[in-house]
Amino acid sequence: MSKLAWLVVFGAVGGIVWYFARIRRQLAERQDEAEARMVSLIAEVRPATAPLLPGNPVAAQPLHAPQERLLLDAAGKAGEAGEPVLAIQLYAKLLSRCPKTVFASQARTAVEEQKKKLKS
């Protein structure tokens, strides 16, 4: 009978050890997934930069930031909603913050269109 009792005790201890090892493995997997999500989030938010080449000072500037795209989209939506004054203000904010952005020519053209809407 004592052998059976020891077998039950060893089985219980083994089960507990297996359970804690499983919990530890799940926590490590969750931590790895969280780190991967954080890396992808940072990669999305961080602006891409062109390679720095000798004689190319513009390449050190970021290609475009997500904030620029958001301002451009918001101004476009305001213009579509029939709010030309708000659209012009948003385009002006974009151009004042980032005058050398890749969206500058698009914003200037849109401002001219919104001014025409305002006059009519």
PDB file of N, CA and C in Angstrom:
ATOM      1  N   MET A   1       0.803  -1.186   0.000  1.00  0.00           N
ATOM      2  CA  MET A   1       0.000   0.000   0.000  1.00  0.00           C
ATOM      3  C   MET A   1       0.855   1.263   0.000  1.00  0.00           C
ATOM      4  N   SER A   2       2.008   1.204   0.666  1.00  0.00           N
ATOM      5  CA  SER A   2       2.838   2.399   0.732  1.00  0.00           C
ATOM      6  C   SER A   2       3.438   2.707  -0.641  1.00  0.00           C
ATOM      7  N   LYS A   3       3.680   1.689  -1.457  1.00  0.00           N
ATOM      8  CA  LYS A   3       4.187   1.942  -2.801  1.00  0.00           C
ATOM      9  C   LYS A   3       3.154   2.698  -3.643  1.00  0.00           C
ATOM     10  N   LEU A   4       1.907   2.345  -3.480  1.00  0.00           N
ATOM     11  CA  LEU A   4       0.842   3.026  -4.201  1.00  0.00           C
ATOM     12  C   LEU A   4       0.723   4.474  -3.740  1.00  0.00           C
ATOM     13  N   ALA A   5       0.892   4.703  -2.450  1.00  0.00           N
ATOM     14  CA  ALA A   5       0.836   6.071  -1.923  1.00  0.00           C
ATOM     15  C   ALA A   5       1.990   6.902  -2.478  1.00  0.00           C
ATOM     16  N   TRP A   6       3.176   6.329  -2.527  1.00  0.00           N
ATOM     17  CA  TRP A   6       4.325   7.057  -3.080  1.00  0.00           C
ATOM     18  C   TRP A   6       4.122   7.329  -4.574  1.00  0.00           C
ATOM     19  N   LEU A   7       3.548   6.388  -5.271  1.00  0.00           N
ATOM     20  CA  LEU A   7       3.274   6.582  -6.686  1.00  0.00           C
ATOM     21  C   LEU A   7       2.290   7.743  -6.890  1.00  0.00           C
ATOM     22  N   VAL A   8       1.279   7.819  -6.051  1.00  0.00           N
ATOM     23  CA  VAL A   8       0.311   8.913  -6.131  1.00  0.00           C
ATOM     24  C   VAL A   8       0.990  10.238  -5.813  1.00  0.00           C
ATOM     25  N   VAL A   9       1.839  10.285  -4.813  1.00  0.00           N
ATOM     26  CA  VAL A   9       2.551  11.510  -4.432  1.00  0.00           C
ATOM     27  C   VAL A   9       3.458  11.952  -5.580  1.00  0.00           C
ATOM     28  N   PHE A  10       4.238  11.029  -6.145  1.00  0.00           N
ATOM     29  CA  PHE A  10       5.114  11.388  -7.260  1.00  0.00           C
ATOM     30  C   PHE A  10       4.302  11.850  -8.472  1.00  0.00           C
ATOM     31  N   GLY A  11       3.190  11.200  -8.724  1.00  0.00           N
ATOM     32  CA  GLY A  11       2.322  11.618  -9.825  1.00  0.00           C
ATOM     33  C   GLY A  11       1.773  13.020  -9.604  1.00  0.00           C
ATOM     34  N   ALA A  12       1.373  13.320  -8.361  1.00  0.00           N
ATOM     35  CA  ALA A  12       0.845  14.649  -8.053  1.00  0.00           C
ATOM     36  C   ALA A  12       1.936  15.705  -8.188  1.00  0.00           C
ATOM     37  N   VAL A  13       3.113  15.411  -7.667  1.00  0.00           N
ATOM     38  CA  VAL A  13       4.231  16.355  -7.779  1.00  0.00           C
ATOM     39  C   VAL A  13       4.592  16.554  -9.253  1.00  0.00           C
ATOM     40  N   GLY A  14       4.631  15.492 -10.019  1.00  0.00           N
ATOM     41  CA  GLY A  14       4.922  15.607 -11.446  1.00  0.00           C
ATOM     42  C   GLY A  14       3.863  16.436 -12.168  1.00  0.00           C
ATOM     43  N   GLY A  15       2.603  16.232 -11.814  1.00  0.00           N
ATOM     44  CA  GLY A  15       1.523  17.013 -12.411  1.00  0.00           C
ATOM     45  C   GLY A  15       1.635  18.491 -12.082  1.00  0.00           C
ATOM     46  N   ILE A  16       1.991  18.793 -10.858  1.00  0.00           N
ATOM     47  CA  ILE A  16       2.152  20.197 -10.444  1.00  0.00           C
ATOM     48  C   ILE A  16       3.327  20.834 -11.185  1.00  0.00           C
ATOM     49  N   VAL A  17       4.441  20.107 -11.280  1.00  0.00           N
ATOM     50  CA  VAL A  17       5.608  20.628 -11.997  1.00  0.00           C
ATOM     51  C   VAL A  17       5.261  20.856 -13.467  1.00  0.00           C
ATOM     52  N   TRP A  18       4.551  19.900 -14.078  1.00  0.00           N
ATOM     53  CA  TRP A  18       4.150  20.053 -15.475  1.00  0.00           C
ATOM     54  C   TRP A  18       3.240  21.262 -15.657  1.00  0.00           C
ATOM     55  N   TYR A  19       2.288  21.477 -14.718  1.00  0.00           N
ATOM     56  CA  TYR A  19       1.355  22.596 -14.792  1.00  0.00           C
ATOM     57  C   TYR A  19       2.102  23.933 -14.714  1.00  0.00           C
ATOM     58  N   PHE A  20       3.039  24.055 -13.776  1.00  0.00           N
ATOM     59  CA  PHE A  20       3.804  25.307 -13.652  1.00  0.00           C
ATOM     60  C   PHE A  20       4.706  25.540 -14.870  1.00  0.00           C
ATOM     61  N   ALA A  21       5.269  24.462 -15.419  1.00  0.00           N
ATOM     62  CA  ALA A  21       6.090  24.622 -16.627  1.00  0.00           C
ATOM     63  C   ALA A  21       5.219  25.094 -17.796  1.00  0.00           C
ATOM     64  N   ARG A  22       4.008  24.590 -17.898  1.00  0.00           N
ATOM     65  CA  ARG A  22       3.095  25.016 -18.957  1.00  0.00           C
ATOM     66  C   ARG A  22       2.721  26.489 -18.794  1.00  0.00           C
ATOM     67  N   ILE A  23       2.431  26.903 -17.571  1.00  0.00           N
ATOM     68  CA  ILE A  23       2.105  28.312 -17.309  1.00  0.00           C
ATOM     69  C   ILE A  23       3.295  29.200 -17.667  1.00  0.00           C
ATOM     70  N   ARG A  24       4.490  28.778 -17.292  1.00  0.00           N
ATOM     71  CA  ARG A  24       5.686  29.566 -17.589  1.00  0.00           C
ATOM     72  C   ARG A  24       5.900  29.686 -19.097  1.00  0.00           C
ATOM     73  N   ARG A  25       5.680  28.603 -19.836  1.00  0.00           N
ATOM     74  CA  ARG A  25       5.832  28.616 -21.281  1.00  0.00           C
ATOM     75  C   ARG A  25       4.787  29.540 -21.925  1.00  0.00           C
ATOM     76  N   GLN A  26       3.550  29.516 -21.434  1.00  0.00           N
ATOM     77  CA  GLN A  26       2.505  30.392 -21.967  1.00  0.00           C
ATOM     78  C   GLN A  26       2.835  31.864 -21.693  1.00  0.00           C
ATOM     79  N   LEU A  27       3.349  32.151 -20.514  1.00  0.00           N
ATOM     80  CA  LEU A  27       3.727  33.535 -20.201  1.00  0.00           C
ATOM     81  C   LEU A  27       4.867  34.017 -21.107  1.00  0.00           C
ATOM     82  N   ALA A  28       5.821  33.141 -21.369  1.00  0.00           N
ATOM     83  CA  ALA A  28       6.926  33.513 -22.258  1.00  0.00           C
ATOM     84  C   ALA A  28       6.417  33.760 -23.679  1.00  0.00           C
ATOM     85  N   GLU A  29       5.473  32.936 -24.146  1.00  0.00           N
ATOM     86  CA  GLU A  29       4.901  33.141 -25.481  1.00  0.00           C
ATOM     87  C   GLU A  29       4.139  34.459 -25.547  1.00  0.00           C
ATOM     88  N   ARG A  30       3.366  34.764 -24.510  1.00  0.00           N
ATOM     89  CA  ARG A  30       2.637  36.034 -24.476  1.00  0.00           C
ATOM     90  C   ARG A  30       3.591  37.220 -24.475  1.00  0.00           C
ATOM     91  N   GLN A  31       4.679  37.095 -23.733  1.00  0.00           N
ATOM     92  CA  GLN A  31       5.672  38.170 -23.700  1.00  0.00           C
ATOM     93  C   GLN A  31       6.301  38.365 -25.082  1.00  0.00           C
ATOM     94  N   ASP A  32       6.621  37.277 -25.761  1.00  0.00           N
ATOM     95  CA  ASP A  32       7.189  37.370 -27.112  1.00  0.00           C
ATOM     96  C   ASP A  32       6.199  38.012 -28.077  1.00  0.00           C
ATOM     97  N   GLU A  33       4.918  37.638 -27.975  1.00  0.00           N
ATOM     98  CA  GLU A  33       3.898  38.233 -28.845  1.00  0.00           C
ATOM     99  C   GLU A  33       3.745  39.725 -28.562  1.00  0.00           C
ATOM    100  N   ALA A  34       3.781  40.109 -27.280  1.00  0.00           N
ATOM    101  CA  ALA A  34       3.659  41.521 -26.922  1.00  0.00           C
ATOM    102  C   ALA A  34       4.844  42.321 -27.456  1.00  0.00           C
ATOM    103  N   GLU A  35       6.033  41.758 -27.356  1.00  0.00           N
ATOM    104  CA  GLU A  35       7.214  42.438 -27.886  1.00  0.00           C
ATOM    105  C   GLU A  35       7.131  42.575 -29.405  1.00  0.00           C
ATOM    106  N   ALA A  36       6.636  41.553 -30.087  1.00  0.00           N
ATOM    107  CA  ALA A  36       6.497  41.619 -31.540  1.00  0.00           C
ATOM    108  C   ALA A  36       5.485  42.691 -31.933  1.00  0.00           C
ATOM    109  N   ARG A  37       4.377  42.782 -31.187  1.00  0.00           N
ATOM    110  CA  ARG A  37       3.391  43.827 -31.465  1.00  0.00           C
ATOM    111  C   ARG A  37       3.988  45.206 -31.246  1.00  0.00           C
ATOM    112  N   MET A  38       4.788  45.368 -30.190  1.00  0.00           N
ATOM    113  CA  MET A  38       5.399  46.663 -29.894  1.00  0.00           C
ATOM    114  C   MET A  38       6.386  47.052 -30.991  1.00  0.00           C
ATOM    115  N   VAL A  39       7.158  46.085 -31.465  1.00  0.00           N
ATOM    116  CA  VAL A  39       8.117  46.368 -32.537  1.00  0.00           C
ATOM    117  C   VAL A  39       7.384  46.786 -33.811  1.00  0.00           C
ATOM    118  N   SER A  40       6.295  46.099 -34.132  1.00  0.00           N
ATOM    119  CA  SER A  40       5.555  46.464 -35.347  1.00  0.00           C
ATOM    120  C   SER A  40       4.890  47.827 -35.185  1.00  0.00           C
ATOM    121  N   LEU A  41       4.413  48.153 -33.978  1.00  0.00           N
ATOM    122  CA  LEU A  41       3.817  49.463 -33.742  1.00  0.00           C
ATOM    123  C   LEU A  41       4.852  50.565 -33.896  1.00  0.00           C
ATOM    124  N   ILE A  42       6.018  50.356 -33.345  1.00  0.00           N
ATOM    125  CA  ILE A  42       7.083  51.356 -33.456  1.00  0.00           C
ATOM    126  C   ILE A  42       7.514  51.498 -34.908  1.00  0.00           C
ATOM    127  N   ALA A  43       7.570  50.397 -35.639  1.00  0.00           N
ATOM    128  CA  ALA A  43       7.952  50.467 -37.047  1.00  0.00           C
ATOM    129  C   ALA A  43       6.920  51.239 -37.859  1.00  0.00           C
ATOM    130  N   GLU A  44       5.633  51.125 -37.515  1.00  0.00           N
ATOM    131  CA  GLU A  44       4.596  51.870 -38.220  1.00  0.00           C
ATOM    132  C   GLU A  44       4.666  53.356 -37.919  1.00  0.00           C
ATOM    133  N   VAL A  45       4.941  53.703 -36.671  1.00  0.00           N
ATOM    134  CA  VAL A  45       4.926  55.102 -36.244  1.00  0.00           C
ATOM    135  C   VAL A  45       6.198  55.824 -36.673  1.00  0.00           C
ATOM    136  N   ARG A  46       7.321  55.151 -36.616  1.00  0.00           N
ATOM    137  CA  ARG A  46       8.592  55.775 -36.967  1.00  0.00           C
ATOM    138  C   ARG A  46       8.624  56.075 -38.463  1.00  0.00           C
ATOM    139  N   PRO A  47       8.936  57.317 -38.828  1.00  0.00           N
ATOM    140  CA  PRO A  47       8.976  57.647 -40.257  1.00  0.00           C
ATOM    141  C   PRO A  47      10.162  56.974 -40.939  1.00  0.00           C
ATOM    142  N   ALA A  48       9.923  56.570 -42.158  1.00  0.00           N
ATOM    143  CA  ALA A  48      10.995  55.960 -42.940  1.00  0.00           C
ATOM    144  C   ALA A  48      11.958  57.045 -43.403  1.00  0.00           C
ATOM    145  N   THR A  49      13.232  56.733 -43.433  1.00  0.00           N
ATOM    146  CA  THR A  49      14.216  57.702 -43.892  1.00  0.00           C
ATOM    147  C   THR A  49      14.942  57.136 -45.095  1.00  0.00           C
ATOM    148  N   ALA A  50      15.283  58.024 -45.990  1.00  0.00           N
ATOM    149  CA  ALA A  50      16.057  57.612 -47.161  1.00  0.00           C
ATOM    150  C   ALA A  50      17.511  57.433 -46.742  1.00  0.00           C
ATOM    151  N   PRO A  51      18.258  56.602 -47.438  1.00  0.00           N
ATOM    152  CA  PRO A  51      19.656  56.415 -47.074  1.00  0.00           C
ATOM    153  C   PRO A  51      20.444  57.707 -47.266  1.00  0.00           C
ATOM    154  N   LEU A  52      21.340  57.964 -46.347  1.00  0.00           N
ATOM    155  CA  LEU A  52      22.154  59.179 -46.404  1.00  0.00           C
ATOM    156  C   LEU A  52      23.327  58.933 -47.345  1.00  0.00           C
ATOM    157  N   LEU A  53      23.321  59.655 -48.445  1.00  0.00           N
ATOM    158  CA  LEU A  53      24.391  59.538 -49.418  1.00  0.00           C
ATOM    159  C   LEU A  53      25.187  60.833 -49.433  1.00  0.00           C
ATOM    160  N   PRO A  54      26.462  60.765 -49.742  1.00  0.00           N
ATOM    161  CA  PRO A  54      27.249  61.996 -49.807  1.00  0.00           C
ATOM    162  C   PRO A  54      26.673  62.933 -50.870  1.00  0.00           C
ATOM    163  N   GLY A  55      26.544  64.203 -50.530  1.00  0.00           N
ATOM    164  CA  GLY A  55      26.034  65.195 -51.466  1.00  0.00           C
ATOM    165  C   GLY A  55      24.522  65.195 -51.575  1.00  0.00           C
ATOM    166  N   ASN A  56      23.823  64.473 -50.708  1.00  0.00           N
ATOM    167  CA  ASN A  56      22.366  64.423 -50.741  1.00  0.00           C
ATOM    168  C   ASN A  56      21.825  64.782 -49.351  1.00  0.00           C
ATOM    169  N   PRO A  57      21.773  66.077 -48.994  1.00  0.00           N
ATOM    170  CA  PRO A  57      21.341  66.448 -47.652  1.00  0.00           C
ATOM    171  C   PRO A  57      19.855  66.217 -47.429  1.00  0.00           C
ATOM    172  N   VAL A  58      19.070  66.160 -48.481  1.00  0.00           N
ATOM    173  CA  VAL A  58      17.629  65.955 -48.337  1.00  0.00           C
ATOM    174  C   VAL A  58      17.330  64.531 -47.894  1.00  0.00           C
ATOM    175  N   ALA A  59      18.220  63.612 -48.193  1.00  0.00           N
ATOM    176  CA  ALA A  59      17.982  62.215 -47.869  1.00  0.00           C
ATOM    177  C   ALA A  59      17.935  61.970 -46.375  1.00  0.00           C
ATOM    178  N   ALA A  60      18.495  62.864 -45.576  1.00  0.00           N
ATOM    179  CA  ALA A  60      18.486  62.670 -44.128  1.00  0.00           C
ATOM    180  C   ALA A  60      17.120  62.970 -43.530  1.00  0.00           C
ATOM    181  N   GLN A  61      16.256  63.663 -44.264  1.00  0.00           N
ATOM    182  CA  GLN A  61      14.935  63.988 -43.753  1.00  0.00           C
ATOM    183  C   GLN A  61      14.008  62.794 -43.971  1.00  0.00           C
ATOM    184  N   PRO A  62      13.018  62.621 -43.087  1.00  0.00           N
ATOM    185  CA  PRO A  62      12.086  61.516 -43.274  1.00  0.00           C
ATOM    186  C   PRO A  62      11.242  61.716 -44.525  1.00  0.00           C
ATOM    187  N   LEU A  63      10.846  60.621 -45.157  1.00  0.00           N
ATOM    188  CA  LEU A  63      10.046  60.697 -46.368  1.00  0.00           C
ATOM    189  C   LEU A  63       8.675  61.318 -46.082  1.00  0.00           C
ATOM    190  N   HIS A  64       7.968  60.821 -45.099  1.00  0.00           N
ATOM    191  CA  HIS A  64       6.744  61.450 -44.623  1.00  0.00           C
ATOM    192  C   HIS A  64       6.360  60.830 -43.292  1.00  0.00           C
ATOM    193  N   ALA A  65       5.730  61.637 -42.482  1.00  0.00           N
ATOM    194  CA  ALA A  65       5.305  61.177 -41.169  1.00  0.00           C
ATOM    195  C   ALA A  65       3.813  60.851 -41.216  1.00  0.00           C
ATOM    196  N   PRO A  66       3.353  59.955 -40.371  1.00  0.00           N
ATOM    197  CA  PRO A  66       1.922  59.635 -40.350  1.00  0.00           C
ATOM    198  C   PRO A  66       1.067  60.853 -39.993  1.00  0.00           C
ATOM    199  N   GLN A  67       1.614  61.784 -39.196  1.00  0.00           N
ATOM    200  CA  GLN A  67       0.859  62.969 -38.826  1.00  0.00           C
ATOM    201  C   GLN A  67       0.564  63.822 -40.057  1.00  0.00           C
ATOM    202  N   GLU A  68       1.493  63.882 -40.978  1.00  0.00           N
ATOM    203  CA  GLU A  68       1.277  64.653 -42.200  1.00  0.00           C
ATOM    204  C   GLU A  68       0.136  64.054 -43.002  1.00  0.00           C
ATOM    205  N   ARG A  69       0.140  62.749 -43.131  1.00  0.00           N
ATOM    206  CA  ARG A  69      -0.919  62.064 -43.870  1.00  0.00           C
ATOM    207  C   ARG A  69      -2.271  62.281 -43.183  1.00  0.00           C
ATOM    208  N   LEU A  70      -2.284  62.237 -41.852  1.00  0.00           N
ATOM    209  CA  LEU A  70      -3.535  62.448 -41.118  1.00  0.00           C
ATOM    210  C   LEU A  70      -4.067  63.863 -41.323  1.00  0.00           C
ATOM    211  N   LEU A  71      -3.188  64.860 -41.280  1.00  0.00           N
ATOM    212  CA  LEU A  71      -3.620  66.237 -41.514  1.00  0.00           C
ATOM    213  C   LEU A  71      -4.176  66.399 -42.928  1.00  0.00           C
ATOM    214  N   LEU A  72      -3.499  65.806 -43.892  1.00  0.00           N
ATOM    215  CA  LEU A  72      -3.952  65.903 -45.275  1.00  0.00           C
ATOM    216  C   LEU A  72      -5.321  65.238 -45.442  1.00  0.00           C
ATOM    217  N   ASP A  73      -5.486  64.058 -44.853  1.00  0.00           N
ATOM    218  CA  ASP A  73      -6.767  63.359 -44.947  1.00  0.00           C
ATOM    219  C   ASP A  73      -7.877  64.123 -44.242  1.00  0.00           C
ATOM    220  N   ALA A  74      -7.575  64.665 -43.061  1.00  0.00           N
ATOM    221  CA  ALA A  74      -8.586  65.422 -42.318  1.00  0.00           C
ATOM    222  C   ALA A  74      -9.013  66.663 -43.091  1.00  0.00           C
ATOM    223  N   ALA A  75      -8.066  67.347 -43.699  1.00  0.00           N
ATOM    224  CA  ALA A  75      -8.400  68.534 -44.484  1.00  0.00           C
ATOM    225  C   ALA A  75      -9.242  68.149 -45.694  1.00  0.00           C
ATOM    226  N   GLY A  76      -8.910  67.060 -46.333  1.00  0.00           N
ATOM    227  CA  GLY A  76      -9.692  66.587 -47.473  1.00  0.00           C
ATOM    228  C   GLY A  76     -11.116  66.247 -47.077  1.00  0.00           C
ATOM    229  N   LYS A  77     -11.276  65.583 -45.929  1.00  0.00           N
ATOM    230  CA  LYS A  77     -12.618  65.233 -45.448  1.00  0.00           C
ATOM    231  C   LYS A  77     -13.417  66.485 -45.113  1.00  0.00           C
ATOM    232  N   ALA A  78     -12.752  67.476 -44.522  1.00  0.00           N
ATOM    233  CA  ALA A  78     -13.441  68.727 -44.200  1.00  0.00           C
ATOM    234  C   ALA A  78     -13.896  69.422 -45.472  1.00  0.00           C
ATOM    235  N   GLY A  79     -13.076  69.397 -46.500  1.00  0.00           N
ATOM    236  CA  GLY A  79     -13.457  69.992 -47.781  1.00  0.00           C
ATOM    237  C   GLY A  79     -14.633  69.268 -48.406  1.00  0.00           C
ATOM    238  N   GLU A  80     -14.640  67.941 -48.321  1.00  0.00           N
ATOM    239  CA  GLU A  80     -15.743  67.149 -48.869  1.00  0.00           C
ATOM    240  C   GLU A  80     -17.030  67.376 -48.095  1.00  0.00           C
ATOM    241  N   ALA A  81     -16.901  67.683 -46.801  1.00  0.00           N
ATOM    242  CA  ALA A  81     -18.077  67.891 -45.952  1.00  0.00           C
ATOM    243  C   ALA A  81     -18.651  69.296 -46.106  1.00  0.00           C
ATOM    244  N   GLY A  82     -18.064  70.104 -46.963  1.00  0.00           N
ATOM    245  CA  GLY A  82     -18.585  71.447 -47.173  1.00  0.00           C
ATOM    246  C   GLY A  82     -18.067  72.463 -46.167  1.00  0.00           C
ATOM    247  N   GLU A  83     -16.906  72.226 -45.622  1.00  0.00           N
ATOM    248  CA  GLU A  83     -16.268  73.134 -44.663  1.00  0.00           C
ATOM    249  C   GLU A  83     -14.954  73.652 -45.256  1.00  0.00           C
ATOM    250  N   PRO A  84     -15.009  74.548 -46.222  1.00  0.00           N
ATOM    251  CA  PRO A  84     -13.770  74.996 -46.863  1.00  0.00           C
ATOM    252  C   PRO A  84     -12.859  75.784 -45.932  1.00  0.00           C
ATOM    253  N   VAL A  85     -13.428  76.510 -44.983  1.00  0.00           N
ATOM    254  CA  VAL A  85     -12.593  77.293 -44.059  1.00  0.00           C
ATOM    255  C   VAL A  85     -11.758  76.355 -43.188  1.00  0.00           C
ATOM    256  N   LEU A  86     -12.408  75.345 -42.649  1.00  0.00           N
ATOM    257  CA  LEU A  86     -11.685  74.370 -41.819  1.00  0.00           C
ATOM    258  C   LEU A  86     -10.645  73.630 -42.649  1.00  0.00           C
ATOM    259  N   ALA A  87     -10.990  73.272 -43.868  1.00  0.00           N
ATOM    260  CA  ALA A  87     -10.042  72.571 -44.740  1.00  0.00           C
ATOM    261  C   ALA A  87      -8.817  73.441 -45.007  1.00  0.00           C
ATOM    262  N   ILE A  88      -9.040  74.727 -45.284  1.00  0.00           N
ATOM    263  CA  ILE A  88      -7.907  75.633 -45.534  1.00  0.00           C
ATOM    264  C   ILE A  88      -7.033  75.745 -44.299  1.00  0.00           C
ATOM    265  N   GLN A  89      -7.664  75.807 -43.117  1.00  0.00           N
ATOM    266  CA  GLN A  89      -6.892  75.899 -41.876  1.00  0.00           C
ATOM    267  C   GLN A  89      -6.038  74.647 -41.669  1.00  0.00           C
ATOM    268  N   LEU A  90      -6.606  73.495 -41.944  1.00  0.00           N
ATOM    269  CA  LEU A  90      -5.845  72.254 -41.771  1.00  0.00           C
ATOM    270  C   LEU A  90      -4.705  72.146 -42.783  1.00  0.00           C
ATOM    271  N   TYR A  91      -4.975  72.545 -44.015  1.00  0.00           N
ATOM    272  CA  TYR A  91      -3.888  72.544 -45.006  1.00  0.00           C
ATOM    273  C   TYR A  91      -2.792  73.532 -44.596  1.00  0.00           C
ATOM    274  N   ALA A  92      -3.200  74.691 -44.054  1.00  0.00           N
ATOM    275  CA  ALA A  92      -2.210  75.681 -43.611  1.00  0.00           C
ATOM    276  C   ALA A  92      -1.380  75.136 -42.456  1.00  0.00           C
ATOM    277  N   LYS A  93      -2.027  74.421 -41.568  1.00  0.00           N
ATOM    278  CA  LYS A  93      -1.286  73.819 -40.440  1.00  0.00           C
ATOM    279  C   LYS A  93      -0.269  72.804 -40.963  1.00  0.00           C
ATOM    280  N   LEU A  94      -0.676  72.010 -41.947  1.00  0.00           N
ATOM    281  CA  LEU A  94       0.240  71.041 -42.545  1.00  0.00           C
ATOM    282  C   LEU A  94       1.423  71.746 -43.189  1.00  0.00           C
ATOM    283  N   LEU A  95       1.138  72.795 -43.949  1.00  0.00           N
ATOM    284  CA  LEU A  95       2.216  73.499 -44.644  1.00  0.00           C
ATOM    285  C   LEU A  95       3.105  74.282 -43.687  1.00  0.00           C
ATOM    286  N   SER A  96       2.543  74.783 -42.584  1.00  0.00           N
ATOM    287  CA  SER A  96       3.385  75.522 -41.640  1.00  0.00           C
ATOM    288  C   SER A  96       4.273  74.580 -40.826  1.00  0.00           C
ATOM    289  N   ARG A  97       3.760  73.406 -40.497  1.00  0.00           N
ATOM    290  CA  ARG A  97       4.558  72.450 -39.722  1.00  0.00           C
ATOM    291  C   ARG A  97       5.603  71.761 -40.585  1.00  0.00           C
ATOM    292  N   CYS A  98       5.223  71.410 -41.788  1.00  0.00           N
ATOM    293  CA  CYS A  98       6.105  70.634 -42.665  1.00  0.00           C
ATOM    294  C   CYS A  98       6.100  71.244 -44.063  1.00  0.00           C
ATOM    295  N   PRO A  99       6.807  72.341 -44.275  1.00  0.00           N
ATOM    296  CA  PRO A  99       6.765  72.981 -45.596  1.00  0.00           C
ATOM    297  C   PRO A  99       7.436  72.151 -46.693  1.00  0.00           C
ATOM    298  N   LYS A 100       8.333  71.261 -46.337  1.00  0.00           N
ATOM    299  CA  LYS A 100       9.057  70.466 -47.340  1.00  0.00           C
ATOM    300  C   LYS A 100       8.504  69.049 -47.465  1.00  0.00           C
ATOM    301  N   THR A 101       7.290  68.838 -47.001  1.00  0.00           N
ATOM    302  CA  THR A 101       6.709  67.501 -47.037  1.00  0.00           C
ATOM    303  C   THR A 101       6.398  67.089 -48.467  1.00  0.00           C
ATOM    304  N   VAL A 102       6.262  65.800 -48.676  1.00  0.00           N
ATOM    305  CA  VAL A 102       5.925  65.290 -50.003  1.00  0.00           C
ATOM    306  C   VAL A 102       4.492  65.647 -50.373  1.00  0.00           C
ATOM    307  N   PHE A 103       3.695  66.035 -49.378  1.00  0.00           N
ATOM    308  CA  PHE A 103       2.305  66.394 -49.608  1.00  0.00           C
ATOM    309  C   PHE A 103       2.118  67.896 -49.825  1.00  0.00           C
ATOM    310  N   ALA A 104       3.197  68.677 -49.846  1.00  0.00           N
ATOM    311  CA  ALA A 104       3.086  70.133 -49.919  1.00  0.00           C
ATOM    312  C   ALA A 104       2.407  70.590 -51.202  1.00  0.00           C
ATOM    313  N   SER A 105       2.797  70.052 -52.331  1.00  0.00           N
ATOM    314  CA  SER A 105       2.192  70.491 -53.597  1.00  0.00           C
ATOM    315  C   SER A 105       0.719  70.103 -53.652  1.00  0.00           C
ATOM    316  N   GLN A 106       0.407  68.935 -53.131  1.00  0.00           N
ATOM    317  CA  GLN A 106      -0.985  68.487 -53.092  1.00  0.00           C
ATOM    318  C   GLN A 106      -1.804  69.398 -52.177  1.00  0.00           C
ATOM    319  N   ALA A 107      -1.230  69.798 -51.049  1.00  0.00           N
ATOM    320  CA  ALA A 107      -1.932  70.674 -50.113  1.00  0.00           C
ATOM    321  C   ALA A 107      -2.137  72.063 -50.725  1.00  0.00           C
ATOM    322  N   ARG A 108      -1.136  72.582 -51.401  1.00  0.00           N
ATOM    323  CA  ARG A 108      -1.270  73.910 -52.026  1.00  0.00           C
ATOM    324  C   ARG A 108      -2.357  73.908 -53.107  1.00  0.00           C
ATOM    325  N   THR A 109      -2.387  72.857 -53.892  1.00  0.00           N
ATOM    326  CA  THR A 109      -3.418  72.742 -54.923  1.00  0.00           C
ATOM    327  C   THR A 109      -4.804  72.674 -54.290  1.00  0.00           C
ATOM    328  N   ALA A 110      -4.919  71.903 -53.223  1.00  0.00           N
ATOM    329  CA  ALA A 110      -6.207  71.767 -52.545  1.00  0.00           C
ATOM    330  C   ALA A 110      -6.637  73.081 -51.915  1.00  0.00           C
ATOM    331  N   VAL A 111      -5.692  73.880 -51.410  1.00  0.00           N
ATOM    332  CA  VAL A 111      -6.025  75.184 -50.832  1.00  0.00           C
ATOM    333  C   VAL A 111      -6.615  76.082 -51.902  1.00  0.00           C
ATOM    334  N   GLU A 112      -6.018  76.062 -53.074  1.00  0.00           N
ATOM    335  CA  GLU A 112      -6.545  76.886 -54.168  1.00  0.00           C
ATOM    336  C   GLU A 112      -7.975  76.470 -54.526  1.00  0.00           C
ATOM    337  N   GLU A 113      -8.228  75.169 -54.563  1.00  0.00           N
ATOM    338  CA  GLU A 113      -9.575  74.678 -54.855  1.00  0.00           C
ATOM    339  C   GLU A 113     -10.564  75.106 -53.774  1.00  0.00           C
ATOM    340  N   GLN A 114     -10.136  75.048 -52.520  1.00  0.00           N
ATOM    341  CA  GLN A 114     -11.029  75.434 -51.423  1.00  0.00           C
ATOM    342  C   GLN A 114     -11.297  76.937 -51.449  1.00  0.00           C
ATOM    343  N   LYS A 115     -10.305  77.721 -51.838  1.00  0.00           N
ATOM    344  CA  LYS A 115     -10.510  79.177 -51.959  1.00  0.00           C
ATOM    345  C   LYS A 115     -11.533  79.482 -53.050  1.00  0.00           C
ATOM    346  N   LYS A 116     -11.496  78.714 -54.145  1.00  0.00           N
ATOM    347  CA  LYS A 116     -12.488  78.896 -55.212  1.00  0.00           C
ATOM    348  C   LYS A 116     -13.888  78.568 -54.704  1.00  0.00           C
ATOM    349  N   LYS A 117     -14.002  77.508 -53.877  1.00  0.00           N
ATOM    350  CA  LYS A 117     -15.297  77.157 -53.305  1.00  0.00           C
ATOM    351  C   LYS A 117     -15.797  78.249 -52.369  1.00  0.00           C
ATOM    352  N   LEU A 118     -14.884  78.866 -51.663  1.00  0.00           N
ATOM    353  CA  LEU A 118     -15.246  79.906 -50.711  1.00  0.00           C
ATOM    354  C   LEU A 118     -15.775  81.144 -51.437  1.00  0.00           C
ATOM    355  N   LYS A 119     -15.191  81.469 -52.572  1.00  0.00           N
ATOM    356  CA  LYS A 119     -15.598  82.656 -53.332  1.00  0.00           C
ATOM    357  C   LYS A 119     -16.966  82.464 -53.971  1.00  0.00           C
ATOM    358  N   SER A 120     -17.295  81.258 -54.358  1.00  0.00           N
ATOM    359  CA  SER A 120     -18.571  81.046 -55.043  1.00  0.00           C
ATOM    360  C   SER A 120     -19.719  80.760 -54.114  1.00  0.00           C
TER     361      SER A 120
END
